C-alpha atoms as a PDB file:
ATOM      1  CA  MET A   1      38.927  55.033 -87.158  1.00  0.00           C
ATOM      2  CA  SER A   2      38.632  55.728 -90.607  1.00  0.00           C
ATOM      3  CA  GLN A   3      37.083  58.775 -91.924  1.00  0.00           C
ATOM      4  CA  ASP A   4      33.699  56.627 -93.226  1.00  0.00           C
ATOM      5  CA  VAL A   5      32.794  55.655 -89.146  1.00  0.00           C
ATOM      6  CA  LEU A   6      33.355  59.407 -87.803  1.00  0.00           C
ATOM      7  CA  LEU A   7      30.958  60.553 -90.574  1.00  0.00           C
ATOM      8  CA  SER A   8      28.394  57.820 -89.704  1.00  0.00           C
ATOM      9  CA  LEU A   9      28.738  58.630 -85.687  1.00  0.00           C
ATOM     10  CA  GLY A  10      29.047  61.998 -86.305  1.00  0.00           C
ATOM     11  CA  ARG A  11      25.438  61.683 -88.302  1.00  0.00           C
ATOM     12  CA  GLU A  12      24.003  59.292 -85.560  1.00  0.00           C
ATOM     13  CA  ALA A  13      25.330  62.123 -82.914  1.00  0.00           C
ATOM     14  CA  LEU A  14      23.275  64.388 -85.085  1.00  0.00           C
ATOM     15  CA  LEU A  15      20.097  62.171 -85.641  1.00  0.00           C
ATOM     16  CA  LEU A  16      20.072  61.834 -81.923  1.00  0.00           C
ATOM     17  CA  MET A  17      20.393  65.449 -81.182  1.00  0.00           C
ATOM     18  CA  ILE A  18      17.439  66.525 -83.346  1.00  0.00           C
ATOM     19  CA  LEU A  19      15.078  63.147 -81.954  1.00  0.00           C
ATOM     20  CA  ALA A  20      15.734  63.920 -78.226  1.00  0.00           C
ATOM     21  CA  SER A  21      15.151  67.628 -78.654  1.00  0.00           C
ATOM     22  CA  LEU A  22      12.068  66.698 -80.475  1.00  0.00           C
ATOM     23  CA  PRO A  23       9.418  66.159 -77.724  1.00  0.00           C
ATOM     24  CA  PRO A  24       9.538  69.138 -75.702  1.00  0.00           C
ATOM     25  CA  ILE A  25       9.751  72.032 -78.928  1.00  0.00           C
ATOM     26  CA  GLY A  26       6.809  70.169 -80.091  1.00  0.00           C
ATOM     27  CA  ALA A  27       4.722  70.287 -76.962  1.00  0.00           C
ATOM     28  CA  SER A  28       5.830  73.720 -76.914  1.00  0.00           C
ATOM     29  CA  LEU A  29       4.709  74.506 -80.737  1.00  0.00           C
ATOM     30  CA  VAL A  30       1.381  72.892 -79.893  1.00  0.00           C
ATOM     31  CA  VAL A  31       0.671  74.718 -77.014  1.00  0.00           C
ATOM     32  CA  GLY A  32       1.833  78.349 -78.890  1.00  0.00           C
ATOM     33  CA  PHE A  33      -0.132  77.809 -81.281  1.00  0.00           C
ATOM     34  CA  LEU A  34      -3.024  77.003 -79.283  1.00  0.00           C
ATOM     35  CA  MET A  35      -2.176  79.781 -76.612  1.00  0.00           C
ATOM     36  CA  SER A  36      -2.462  81.981 -79.942  1.00  0.00           C
ATOM     37  CA  LEU A  37      -5.499  81.606 -81.265  1.00  0.00           C
ATOM     38  CA  PHE A  38      -6.863  81.924 -77.706  1.00  0.00           C
ATOM     39  CA  GLN A  39      -5.287  85.295 -77.460  1.00  0.00           C
ATOM     40  CA  ALA A  40      -6.623  86.319 -81.440  1.00  0.00           C
ATOM     41  CA  THR A  41     -10.504  85.671 -80.352  1.00  0.00           C
ATOM     42  CA  THR A  42     -10.665  86.750 -76.422  1.00  0.00           C
ATOM     43  CA  GLN A  43      -8.104  89.680 -78.186  1.00  0.00           C
ATOM     44  CA  LEU A  44      -6.517  89.530 -75.219  1.00  0.00           C
ATOM     45  CA  GLN A  45      -2.388  90.324 -75.176  1.00  0.00           C
ATOM     46  CA  GLU A  46      -0.842  89.107 -72.057  1.00  0.00           C
ATOM     47  CA  SER A  47       2.177  88.445 -72.437  1.00  0.00           C
ATOM     48  CA  THR A  48       2.887  85.522 -69.572  1.00  0.00           C
ATOM     49  CA  LEU A  49      -0.712  84.090 -70.870  1.00  0.00           C
ATOM     50  CA  THR A  50       1.996  82.100 -73.235  1.00  0.00           C
ATOM     51  CA  VAL A  51       4.955  81.777 -71.857  1.00  0.00           C
ATOM     52  CA  VAL A  52       4.078  80.184 -69.167  1.00  0.00           C
ATOM     53  CA  PRO A  53       1.609  77.161 -70.738  1.00  0.00           C
ATOM     54  CA  LYS A  54       4.603  76.589 -73.500  1.00  0.00           C
ATOM     55  CA  LEU A  55       7.398  76.335 -70.501  1.00  0.00           C
ATOM     56  CA  CYS A  56       4.664  74.144 -68.555  1.00  0.00           C
ATOM     57  CA  ALA A  57       4.405  71.901 -71.740  1.00  0.00           C
ATOM     58  CA  ALA A  58       8.170  71.688 -72.246  1.00  0.00           C
ATOM     59  CA  VAL A  59       8.862  70.677 -69.123  1.00  0.00           C
ATOM     60  CA  LEU A  60       5.895  67.909 -68.821  1.00  0.00           C
ATOM     61  CA  ALA A  61       7.251  66.567 -72.519  1.00  0.00           C
ATOM     62  CA  LEU A  62      10.374  66.093 -70.943  1.00  0.00           C
ATOM     63  CA  VAL A  63       9.208  64.161 -67.675  1.00  0.00           C
ATOM     64  CA  LEU A  64       6.902  61.789 -70.168  1.00  0.00           C
ATOM     65  CA  ALA A  65      10.078  61.137 -72.962  1.00  0.00           C
ATOM     66  CA  GLY A  66      12.901  61.102 -70.637  1.00  0.00           C
ATOM     67  CA  PRO A  67      12.654  57.711 -70.001  1.00  0.00           C
ATOM     68  CA  TRP A  68      13.279  57.258 -73.560  1.00  0.00           C
ATOM     69  CA  ILE A  69      15.482  60.129 -74.239  1.00  0.00           C
ATOM     70  CA  GLY A  70      18.114  58.187 -71.463  1.00  0.00           C
ATOM     71  CA  GLY A  71      17.553  55.341 -73.063  1.00  0.00           C
ATOM     72  CA  GLN A  72      18.509  56.371 -76.558  1.00  0.00           C
ATOM     73  CA  LEU A  73      21.241  58.072 -74.879  1.00  0.00           C
ATOM     74  CA  THR A  74      22.531  55.296 -72.823  1.00  0.00           C
ATOM     75  CA  LEU A  75      22.482  53.107 -76.478  1.00  0.00           C
ATOM     76  CA  PHE A  76      24.880  56.365 -78.075  1.00  0.00           C
ATOM     77  CA  THR A  77      26.974  56.485 -75.506  1.00  0.00           C
ATOM     78  CA  HIS A  78      27.553  52.589 -75.065  1.00  0.00           C
ATOM     79  CA  GLN A  79      28.156  52.205 -78.776  1.00  0.00           C
ATOM     80  CA  LEU A  80      30.809  55.883 -78.574  1.00  0.00           C
ATOM     81  CA  LEU A  81      32.365  53.453 -75.847  1.00  0.00           C
ATOM     82  CA  LEU A  82      32.933  49.963 -77.770  1.00  0.00           C
ATOM     83  CA  LEU A  83      34.411  52.156 -80.473  1.00  0.00           C
ATOM     84  CA  ILE A  84      36.460  53.961 -78.926  1.00  0.00           C
ATOM     85  CA  ALA A  85      37.819  50.265 -77.191  1.00  0.00           C
ATOM     86  CA  GLU A  86      38.299  49.337 -80.568  1.00  0.00           C
ATOM     87  CA  VAL A  87      40.474  52.026 -81.472  1.00  0.00           C
ATOM     88  CA  GLY A  88      43.055  51.242 -78.841  1.00  0.00           C
ATOM     89  CA  VAL A  89      43.720  47.133 -80.551  1.00  0.00           C
END
């Protein structure tokens, strides 16, 4: 394998990692902001009030985006295995 192929593969792996983690992190960010806004307006400072909704939002985002994430990981793994097979030839 040449160095260009390895760098391209590493870049694609990092991009896939960012894209796969974006749905749960984005959902947690939005829900966290909304809960902080709610706490600021009601002056209710309960720590579990922010953690539980963010956790639920992250799980829901993973459930909804799970098939897409799985498809992307499967496609990347397939391409990786094809490259490994070409090295042996």
